[in-house]
Every structure is written in structure tokens, then in C-alpha cells.
Amino acid sequence: MTAHLASVRIDAPFDTVFDALADGHRLGRWALGSMDLQPLAEAGLWRGTSLFDGTTAEVEIRPHRALGLIDFHLGPAGARVPRVSIRVTRGADWGQPEGTAMVAMTTWRAAWMDDARWARTCKTHELEVLLFKAQIETAFSAARTKP
């Protein structure tokens, strides 16, 4: 397997979902391999810590709103590649209720990943889509009920 896809419907509008998923501070609350992301001097570049082994990782977040696409470039400076991408689309375009969004997270397998590391990555991303779904829906619901 060279790629993995995890998807979810989120009960919040496209703009709310896209903005949340492109926000490094919020990413650092659900990306288990890059927790507690902190911005670096270079625009769009963040550093976080893996919950698995405590290593640090840099991620460059490149949102493309017109495409509903967020690319997450990983790797050292000069060699970063878009290993993870998230596509956000309006749920109504797919027969889902108005004000919902469909989200698909695609991950590419690097040649250096052994089978155990790849399996962990796939399982992690299946959990992460559930984490960001719950976090976005909870925040959206709370914002709608504030007086």
C-alpha cells in the first residue's frame, strides 16, 4: 500500500472546518505525531512533539482554500514533501445536509517506513479524523449557543 485515506463528515460549515484544519495551534491538539505545535520564524512552519516517542517534527502547513485542500509538508528544510493532505468539501455537494463538510485525509507512504511504522500511521490517522471531528463540532456548537 502506498497511500491511506481516512474520512469523516463534520457537522459544521466548510469555512469553519477549513479554518480549523489549517490552524497550526488547533492541529497541535489532534495530530498525535505533532502535538503542541509552536510557530517558527518561517511563515507556515511549525514544530511539534510526537506522543509516540517524544521526537520533534517540523510541519509546513500550506492551505489552498479555493481547492479545499491543505497540504502538510514534512521533512527537513529543502526536502519537505506533502506527505499528508486534507481535502474539505461542502457536504451539500454530495447530498449531505447543508452546513456540513466532508473531509478526507490522504497520507503517502515514504519508502523508509517499515510495515509496523506504516500500520501505526494508518491507525493514527483513522483516530485523528475522529479527534478533529469532535473538536470542530464541539467548538462550532458552543459558538452557536453563546448569548
N, C-alpha and C. Protein backbone atom coordinates (compact mmCIF):
# COMPACT_ATOMS: atom_id res chain seq x y z
N MET A 1 0.84 -1.17 0.00
CA MET A 1 0.00 0.00 0.00
C MET A 1 0.90 1.25 0.00
N THR A 2 0.60 2.18 -0.89
CA THR A 2 1.42 3.39 -0.99
C THR A 2 0.72 4.63 -0.44
N ALA A 3 -0.59 4.53 -0.18
CA ALA A 3 -1.33 5.67 0.37
C ALA A 3 -2.46 5.15 1.23
N HIS A 4 -2.92 6.00 2.14
CA HIS A 4 -4.02 5.65 3.04
C HIS A 4 -4.96 6.84 3.11
N LEU A 5 -6.26 6.57 3.17
CA LEU A 5 -7.25 7.63 3.26
C LEU A 5 -8.15 7.37 4.46
N ALA A 6 -8.35 8.40 5.28
CA ALA A 6 -9.31 8.35 6.38
C ALA A 6 -10.25 9.52 6.18
N SER A 7 -11.55 9.27 6.32
CA SER A 7 -12.52 10.33 6.02
C SER A 7 -13.62 10.40 7.06
N VAL A 8 -14.31 11.56 7.07
CA VAL A 8 -15.34 11.79 8.06
C VAL A 8 -16.24 12.93 7.58
N ARG A 9 -17.51 12.91 8.00
CA ARG A 9 -18.40 14.05 7.79
C ARG A 9 -18.39 14.86 9.07
N ILE A 10 -18.29 16.18 8.92
CA ILE A 10 -18.27 17.07 10.08
C ILE A 10 -19.50 17.97 10.01
N ASP A 11 -20.22 18.03 11.12
CA ASP A 11 -21.44 18.84 11.20
C ASP A 11 -21.10 20.28 11.55
N ALA A 12 -20.46 20.94 10.60
CA ALA A 12 -20.10 22.35 10.67
C ALA A 12 -19.85 22.80 9.23
N PRO A 13 -19.99 24.09 8.95
CA PRO A 13 -19.83 24.58 7.58
C PRO A 13 -18.38 24.50 7.08
N PHE A 14 -18.25 24.49 5.76
CA PHE A 14 -16.96 24.39 5.09
C PHE A 14 -15.94 25.35 5.68
N ASP A 15 -16.26 26.66 5.76
CA ASP A 15 -15.27 27.64 6.21
C ASP A 15 -14.80 27.36 7.63
N THR A 16 -15.71 26.97 8.50
CA THR A 16 -15.35 26.64 9.88
C THR A 16 -14.38 25.46 9.90
N VAL A 17 -14.69 24.44 9.13
CA VAL A 17 -13.86 23.23 9.09
C VAL A 17 -12.51 23.53 8.48
N PHE A 18 -12.50 24.20 7.34
CA PHE A 18 -11.24 24.50 6.66
C PHE A 18 -10.32 25.33 7.56
N ASP A 19 -10.89 26.37 8.16
CA ASP A 19 -10.08 27.24 9.03
C ASP A 19 -9.49 26.46 10.21
N ALA A 20 -10.27 25.59 10.80
CA ALA A 20 -9.79 24.80 11.94
C ALA A 20 -8.67 23.86 11.54
N LEU A 21 -8.81 23.21 10.40
CA LEU A 21 -7.81 22.23 9.97
C LEU A 21 -6.53 22.87 9.46
N ALA A 22 -6.60 24.13 9.04
CA ALA A 22 -5.41 24.84 8.56
C ALA A 22 -4.70 25.62 9.68
N ASP A 23 -5.24 25.58 10.88
CA ASP A 23 -4.70 26.33 12.02
C ASP A 23 -3.70 25.46 12.78
N GLY A 24 -2.44 25.87 12.78
CA GLY A 24 -1.39 25.10 13.45
C GLY A 24 -1.64 24.89 14.93
N HIS A 25 -2.19 25.90 15.61
CA HIS A 25 -2.48 25.74 17.04
C HIS A 25 -3.50 24.63 17.27
N ARG A 26 -4.52 24.58 16.42
CA ARG A 26 -5.54 23.54 16.57
C ARG A 26 -5.01 22.18 16.10
N LEU A 27 -4.19 22.19 15.06
CA LEU A 27 -3.56 20.95 14.57
C LEU A 27 -2.78 20.29 15.71
N GLY A 28 -2.13 21.11 16.51
CA GLY A 28 -1.33 20.61 17.62
C GLY A 28 -2.15 20.00 18.75
N ARG A 29 -3.48 19.99 18.61
CA ARG A 29 -4.36 19.35 19.60
C ARG A 29 -4.87 17.99 19.13
N TRP A 30 -4.73 17.69 17.83
CA TRP A 30 -5.24 16.40 17.35
C TRP A 30 -4.21 15.57 16.58
N ALA A 31 -3.14 16.16 16.10
CA ALA A 31 -2.12 15.41 15.35
C ALA A 31 -1.17 14.73 16.34
N LEU A 32 -1.36 13.45 16.58
CA LEU A 32 -0.63 12.75 17.63
C LEU A 32 0.88 12.71 17.40
N GLY A 33 1.32 12.85 16.16
CA GLY A 33 2.75 12.88 15.88
C GLY A 33 3.34 14.28 15.93
N SER A 34 2.48 15.28 16.17
CA SER A 34 2.95 16.68 16.20
C SER A 34 2.14 17.48 17.21
N MET A 35 2.13 17.02 18.42
CA MET A 35 1.35 17.70 19.46
C MET A 35 2.00 19.01 19.86
N ASP A 36 1.16 19.91 20.40
CA ASP A 36 1.63 21.19 20.94
C ASP A 36 2.48 21.96 19.94
N LEU A 37 2.01 22.05 18.72
CA LEU A 37 2.76 22.77 17.69
C LEU A 37 2.99 24.22 18.09
N GLN A 38 4.18 24.69 17.79
CA GLN A 38 4.56 26.08 18.03
C GLN A 38 5.05 26.67 16.71
N PRO A 39 4.65 27.91 16.41
CA PRO A 39 5.10 28.52 15.15
C PRO A 39 6.59 28.81 15.19
N LEU A 40 7.23 28.66 14.05
CA LEU A 40 8.64 29.00 13.89
C LEU A 40 8.74 30.31 13.12
N ALA A 41 9.95 30.81 12.93
CA ALA A 41 10.15 32.11 12.27
C ALA A 41 9.65 32.12 10.83
N GLU A 42 9.79 31.01 10.13
CA GLU A 42 9.33 30.93 8.74
C GLU A 42 7.81 30.81 8.70
N ALA A 43 7.15 31.66 7.94
CA ALA A 43 5.68 31.65 7.85
C ALA A 43 5.17 30.27 7.45
N GLY A 44 4.18 29.76 8.18
CA GLY A 44 3.58 28.48 7.87
C GLY A 44 4.32 27.28 8.41
N LEU A 45 5.46 27.50 9.07
CA LEU A 45 6.27 26.39 9.58
C LEU A 45 6.07 26.26 11.09
N TRP A 46 5.86 25.03 11.54
CA TRP A 46 5.55 24.73 12.93
C TRP A 46 6.41 23.57 13.41
N ARG A 47 6.64 23.50 14.72
CA ARG A 47 7.37 22.38 15.32
C ARG A 47 6.52 21.80 16.44
N GLY A 48 6.40 20.47 16.44
CA GLY A 48 5.63 19.77 17.47
C GLY A 48 6.37 18.56 17.97
N THR A 49 5.75 17.88 18.94
CA THR A 49 6.36 16.72 19.59
C THR A 49 5.47 15.50 19.41
N SER A 50 6.08 14.38 19.07
CA SER A 50 5.35 13.13 18.90
C SER A 50 4.96 12.54 20.25
N LEU A 51 3.69 12.15 20.37
CA LEU A 51 3.26 11.45 21.58
C LEU A 51 3.81 10.03 21.62
N PHE A 52 4.26 9.53 20.49
CA PHE A 52 4.76 8.16 20.43
C PHE A 52 6.16 8.02 21.02
N ASP A 53 7.08 8.89 20.59
CA ASP A 53 8.47 8.70 21.02
C ASP A 53 9.15 9.98 21.50
N GLY A 54 8.41 11.09 21.58
CA GLY A 54 8.97 12.33 22.09
C GLY A 54 9.86 13.09 21.12
N THR A 55 10.01 12.59 19.90
CA THR A 55 10.82 13.31 18.93
C THR A 55 10.08 14.56 18.45
N THR A 56 10.85 15.52 17.95
CA THR A 56 10.23 16.71 17.39
C THR A 56 10.13 16.58 15.88
N ALA A 57 9.15 17.25 15.34
CA ALA A 57 8.94 17.24 13.90
C ALA A 57 8.51 18.62 13.45
N GLU A 58 8.95 18.98 12.26
CA GLU A 58 8.52 20.24 11.67
C GLU A 58 7.50 19.95 10.58
N VAL A 59 6.47 20.78 10.55
CA VAL A 59 5.43 20.65 9.54
C VAL A 59 5.16 22.03 8.94
N GLU A 60 5.11 22.06 7.63
CA GLU A 60 4.78 23.28 6.92
C GLU A 60 3.34 23.14 6.43
N ILE A 61 2.49 24.05 6.86
CA ILE A 61 1.08 24.00 6.52
C ILE A 61 0.83 24.92 5.33
N ARG A 62 0.31 24.34 4.24
CA ARG A 62 0.04 25.11 3.02
C ARG A 62 -1.44 24.98 2.64
N PRO A 63 -2.27 25.92 3.10
CA PRO A 63 -3.70 25.85 2.75
C PRO A 63 -3.97 26.44 1.36
N HIS A 64 -4.89 25.81 0.65
CA HIS A 64 -5.32 26.24 -0.68
C HIS A 64 -6.86 26.27 -0.65
N ARG A 65 -7.42 27.35 -0.08
CA ARG A 65 -8.87 27.43 0.18
C ARG A 65 -9.69 27.20 -1.09
N ALA A 66 -9.31 27.79 -2.21
CA ALA A 66 -10.10 27.67 -3.43
C ALA A 66 -10.25 26.21 -3.87
N LEU A 67 -9.28 25.39 -3.50
CA LEU A 67 -9.32 23.96 -3.83
C LEU A 67 -9.88 23.11 -2.69
N GLY A 68 -10.06 23.73 -1.52
CA GLY A 68 -10.47 22.97 -0.35
C GLY A 68 -9.38 22.01 0.09
N LEU A 69 -8.13 22.38 -0.14
CA LEU A 69 -7.00 21.49 0.10
C LEU A 69 -6.01 22.10 1.08
N ILE A 70 -5.55 21.28 2.01
CA ILE A 70 -4.50 21.68 2.94
C ILE A 70 -3.39 20.65 2.82
N ASP A 71 -2.22 21.09 2.40
CA ASP A 71 -1.06 20.20 2.30
C ASP A 71 -0.21 20.39 3.54
N PHE A 72 0.25 19.28 4.09
CA PHE A 72 1.15 19.29 5.24
C PHE A 72 2.48 18.71 4.78
N HIS A 73 3.45 19.59 4.59
CA HIS A 73 4.78 19.19 4.11
C HIS A 73 5.63 18.80 5.32
N LEU A 74 6.22 17.62 5.24
CA LEU A 74 7.03 17.08 6.33
C LEU A 74 8.43 16.79 5.82
N GLY A 75 9.39 16.85 6.74
CA GLY A 75 10.76 16.55 6.40
C GLY A 75 11.66 17.73 6.69
N PRO A 76 12.96 17.55 6.50
CA PRO A 76 13.91 18.62 6.78
C PRO A 76 13.82 19.74 5.74
N ALA A 77 14.30 20.91 6.10
CA ALA A 77 14.31 22.05 5.18
C ALA A 77 14.97 21.65 3.87
N GLY A 78 14.38 22.06 2.77
CA GLY A 78 14.91 21.74 1.46
C GLY A 78 14.48 20.40 0.92
N ALA A 79 13.89 19.57 1.78
CA ALA A 79 13.47 18.24 1.35
C ALA A 79 12.05 17.91 1.84
N ARG A 80 11.27 18.93 2.16
CA ARG A 80 9.90 18.70 2.64
C ARG A 80 9.01 18.26 1.49
N VAL A 81 8.16 17.30 1.78
CA VAL A 81 7.20 16.80 0.78
C VAL A 81 5.80 16.79 1.41
N PRO A 82 4.77 16.92 0.57
CA PRO A 82 3.40 16.91 1.10
C PRO A 82 2.94 15.48 1.42
N ARG A 83 3.43 14.96 2.54
CA ARG A 83 3.11 13.57 2.92
C ARG A 83 1.68 13.39 3.36
N VAL A 84 1.05 14.46 3.87
CA VAL A 84 -0.34 14.40 4.31
C VAL A 84 -1.09 15.55 3.66
N SER A 85 -2.27 15.25 3.14
CA SER A 85 -3.15 16.27 2.57
C SER A 85 -4.55 16.06 3.10
N ILE A 86 -5.23 17.16 3.34
CA ILE A 86 -6.63 17.10 3.75
C ILE A 86 -7.46 17.84 2.72
N ARG A 87 -8.49 17.17 2.22
CA ARG A 87 -9.44 17.78 1.29
C ARG A 87 -10.74 18.01 2.04
N VAL A 88 -11.25 19.25 1.95
CA VAL A 88 -12.51 19.62 2.59
C VAL A 88 -13.48 20.02 1.48
N THR A 89 -14.69 19.50 1.52
CA THR A 89 -15.70 19.86 0.52
C THR A 89 -17.04 20.06 1.23
N ARG A 90 -17.88 20.84 0.64
CA ARG A 90 -19.20 21.10 1.22
C ARG A 90 -20.04 19.83 1.15
N GLY A 91 -20.63 19.47 2.28
CA GLY A 91 -21.44 18.25 2.34
C GLY A 91 -22.61 18.27 1.38
N ALA A 92 -23.22 19.45 1.19
CA ALA A 92 -24.39 19.55 0.30
C ALA A 92 -24.06 19.14 -1.12
N ASP A 93 -22.80 19.30 -1.54
CA ASP A 93 -22.39 18.88 -2.88
C ASP A 93 -22.51 17.37 -3.06
N TRP A 94 -22.56 16.63 -1.97
CA TRP A 94 -22.61 15.17 -2.00
C TRP A 94 -23.91 14.62 -1.42
N GLY A 95 -24.93 15.50 -1.34
CA GLY A 95 -26.23 15.06 -0.84
C GLY A 95 -26.33 15.04 0.67
N GLN A 96 -25.33 15.55 1.36
CA GLN A 96 -25.35 15.64 2.82
C GLN A 96 -26.09 16.93 3.21
N PRO A 97 -26.46 17.08 4.45
CA PRO A 97 -27.17 18.30 4.87
C PRO A 97 -26.37 19.57 4.63
N GLU A 98 -27.07 20.64 4.33
CA GLU A 98 -26.45 21.97 4.19
C GLU A 98 -25.73 22.30 5.49
N GLY A 99 -24.57 22.95 5.41
CA GLY A 99 -23.84 23.33 6.61
C GLY A 99 -22.97 22.22 7.18
N THR A 100 -22.75 21.16 6.39
CA THR A 100 -21.82 20.10 6.80
C THR A 100 -20.64 20.10 5.83
N ALA A 101 -19.60 19.41 6.22
CA ALA A 101 -18.42 19.29 5.36
C ALA A 101 -17.96 17.83 5.34
N MET A 102 -17.46 17.43 4.20
CA MET A 102 -16.85 16.12 4.05
C MET A 102 -15.34 16.33 4.04
N VAL A 103 -14.62 15.50 4.79
CA VAL A 103 -13.18 15.65 4.93
C VAL A 103 -12.50 14.32 4.66
N ALA A 104 -11.45 14.36 3.83
CA ALA A 104 -10.65 13.17 3.56
C ALA A 104 -9.18 13.51 3.79
N MET A 105 -8.53 12.72 4.63
CA MET A 105 -7.11 12.89 4.90
C MET A 105 -6.35 11.77 4.19
N THR A 106 -5.48 12.16 3.27
CA THR A 106 -4.67 11.21 2.50
C THR A 106 -3.23 11.28 2.99
N THR A 107 -2.65 10.11 3.20
CA THR A 107 -1.27 10.01 3.66
C THR A 107 -0.50 9.13 2.69
N TRP A 108 0.69 9.59 2.31
CA TRP A 108 1.56 8.85 1.41
C TRP A 108 2.62 8.11 2.21
N ARG A 109 2.90 6.89 1.81
CA ARG A 109 3.92 6.08 2.49
C ARG A 109 5.30 6.37 1.93
N ALA A 110 6.20 6.78 2.81
CA ALA A 110 7.59 7.00 2.42
C ALA A 110 8.30 5.64 2.35
N ALA A 111 9.27 5.53 1.48
CA ALA A 111 9.99 4.27 1.28
C ALA A 111 10.70 3.80 2.55
N TRP A 112 11.08 4.74 3.44
CA TRP A 112 11.79 4.36 4.67
C TRP A 112 10.87 3.80 5.74
N MET A 113 9.55 3.86 5.55
CA MET A 113 8.62 3.35 6.57
C MET A 113 8.53 1.83 6.49
N ASP A 114 8.88 1.16 7.58
CA ASP A 114 8.66 -0.28 7.60
C ASP A 114 7.17 -0.56 7.82
N ASP A 115 6.79 -1.83 7.74
CA ASP A 115 5.37 -2.18 7.85
C ASP A 115 4.77 -1.77 9.19
N ALA A 116 5.52 -1.90 10.27
CA ALA A 116 5.00 -1.53 11.60
C ALA A 116 4.75 -0.02 11.68
N ARG A 117 5.69 0.77 11.17
CA ARG A 117 5.52 2.24 11.20
C ARG A 117 4.35 2.66 10.33
N TRP A 118 4.19 2.05 9.16
CA TRP A 118 3.09 2.38 8.27
C TRP A 118 1.75 2.00 8.91
N ALA A 119 1.67 0.84 9.52
CA ALA A 119 0.43 0.42 10.19
C ALA A 119 0.07 1.40 11.30
N ARG A 120 1.06 1.83 12.07
CA ARG A 120 0.82 2.81 13.14
C ARG A 120 0.31 4.13 12.56
N THR A 121 0.90 4.57 11.45
CA THR A 121 0.48 5.81 10.81
C THR A 121 -0.98 5.72 10.35
N CYS A 122 -1.34 4.61 9.72
CA CYS A 122 -2.72 4.44 9.25
C CYS A 122 -3.71 4.44 10.41
N LYS A 123 -3.43 3.69 11.45
CA LYS A 123 -4.31 3.64 12.63
C LYS A 123 -4.41 5.02 13.28
N THR A 124 -3.29 5.72 13.37
CA THR A 124 -3.26 7.04 13.98
C THR A 124 -4.16 8.00 13.21
N HIS A 125 -4.07 7.99 11.90
CA HIS A 125 -4.87 8.92 11.11
C HIS A 125 -6.35 8.58 11.16
N GLU A 126 -6.69 7.30 11.30
CA GLU A 126 -8.09 6.93 11.48
C GLU A 126 -8.65 7.49 12.79
N LEU A 127 -7.82 7.54 13.81
CA LEU A 127 -8.22 8.15 15.09
C LEU A 127 -8.23 9.67 14.98
N GLU A 128 -7.24 10.25 14.30
CA GLU A 128 -7.15 11.71 14.22
C GLU A 128 -8.36 12.34 13.54
N VAL A 129 -8.93 11.69 12.51
CA VAL A 129 -10.12 12.27 11.89
C VAL A 129 -11.28 12.32 12.88
N LEU A 130 -11.36 11.34 13.77
CA LEU A 130 -12.40 11.35 14.81
C LEU A 130 -12.13 12.44 15.84
N LEU A 131 -10.84 12.66 16.17
CA LEU A 131 -10.48 13.73 17.11
C LEU A 131 -10.84 15.09 16.55
N PHE A 132 -10.41 15.39 15.31
CA PHE A 132 -10.71 16.73 14.81
C PHE A 132 -12.19 16.91 14.52
N LYS A 133 -12.91 15.86 14.16
CA LYS A 133 -14.36 15.95 14.00
C LYS A 133 -15.00 16.39 15.32
N ALA A 134 -14.67 15.69 16.40
CA ALA A 134 -15.25 16.01 17.72
C ALA A 134 -14.87 17.42 18.17
N GLN A 135 -13.61 17.80 17.98
CA GLN A 135 -13.16 19.12 18.42
C GLN A 135 -13.83 20.24 17.63
N ILE A 136 -13.95 20.08 16.32
CA ILE A 136 -14.57 21.12 15.49
C ILE A 136 -16.06 21.21 15.79
N GLU A 137 -16.75 20.08 15.86
CA GLU A 137 -18.18 20.11 16.13
C GLU A 137 -18.49 20.68 17.51
N THR A 138 -17.68 20.34 18.50
CA THR A 138 -17.88 20.87 19.85
C THR A 138 -17.71 22.38 19.87
N ALA A 139 -16.65 22.88 19.26
CA ALA A 139 -16.39 24.33 19.22
C ALA A 139 -17.48 25.05 18.42
N PHE A 140 -17.91 24.48 17.31
CA PHE A 140 -18.94 25.10 16.48
C PHE A 140 -20.26 25.17 17.23
N SER A 141 -20.61 24.07 17.89
CA SER A 141 -21.86 24.04 18.66
C SER A 141 -21.83 25.05 19.80
N ALA A 142 -20.71 25.13 20.51
CA ALA A 142 -20.58 26.09 21.61
C ALA A 142 -20.68 27.52 21.12
N ALA A 143 -20.08 27.82 19.96
CA ALA A 143 -20.12 29.17 19.41
C ALA A 143 -21.54 29.57 19.01
N ARG A 144 -22.32 28.59 18.53
CA ARG A 144 -23.71 28.87 18.11
C ARG A 144 -24.64 29.11 19.29
N THR A 145 -24.31 28.55 20.45
CA THR A 145 -25.20 28.67 21.60
C THR A 145 -24.82 29.80 22.57
N LYS A 146 -23.71 30.51 22.26
CA LYS A 146 -23.32 31.62 23.12
C LYS A 146 -24.33 32.76 22.95
N PRO A 147 -24.70 33.39 24.09
CA PRO A 147 -25.66 34.51 24.01
C PRO A 147 -25.06 35.74 23.37
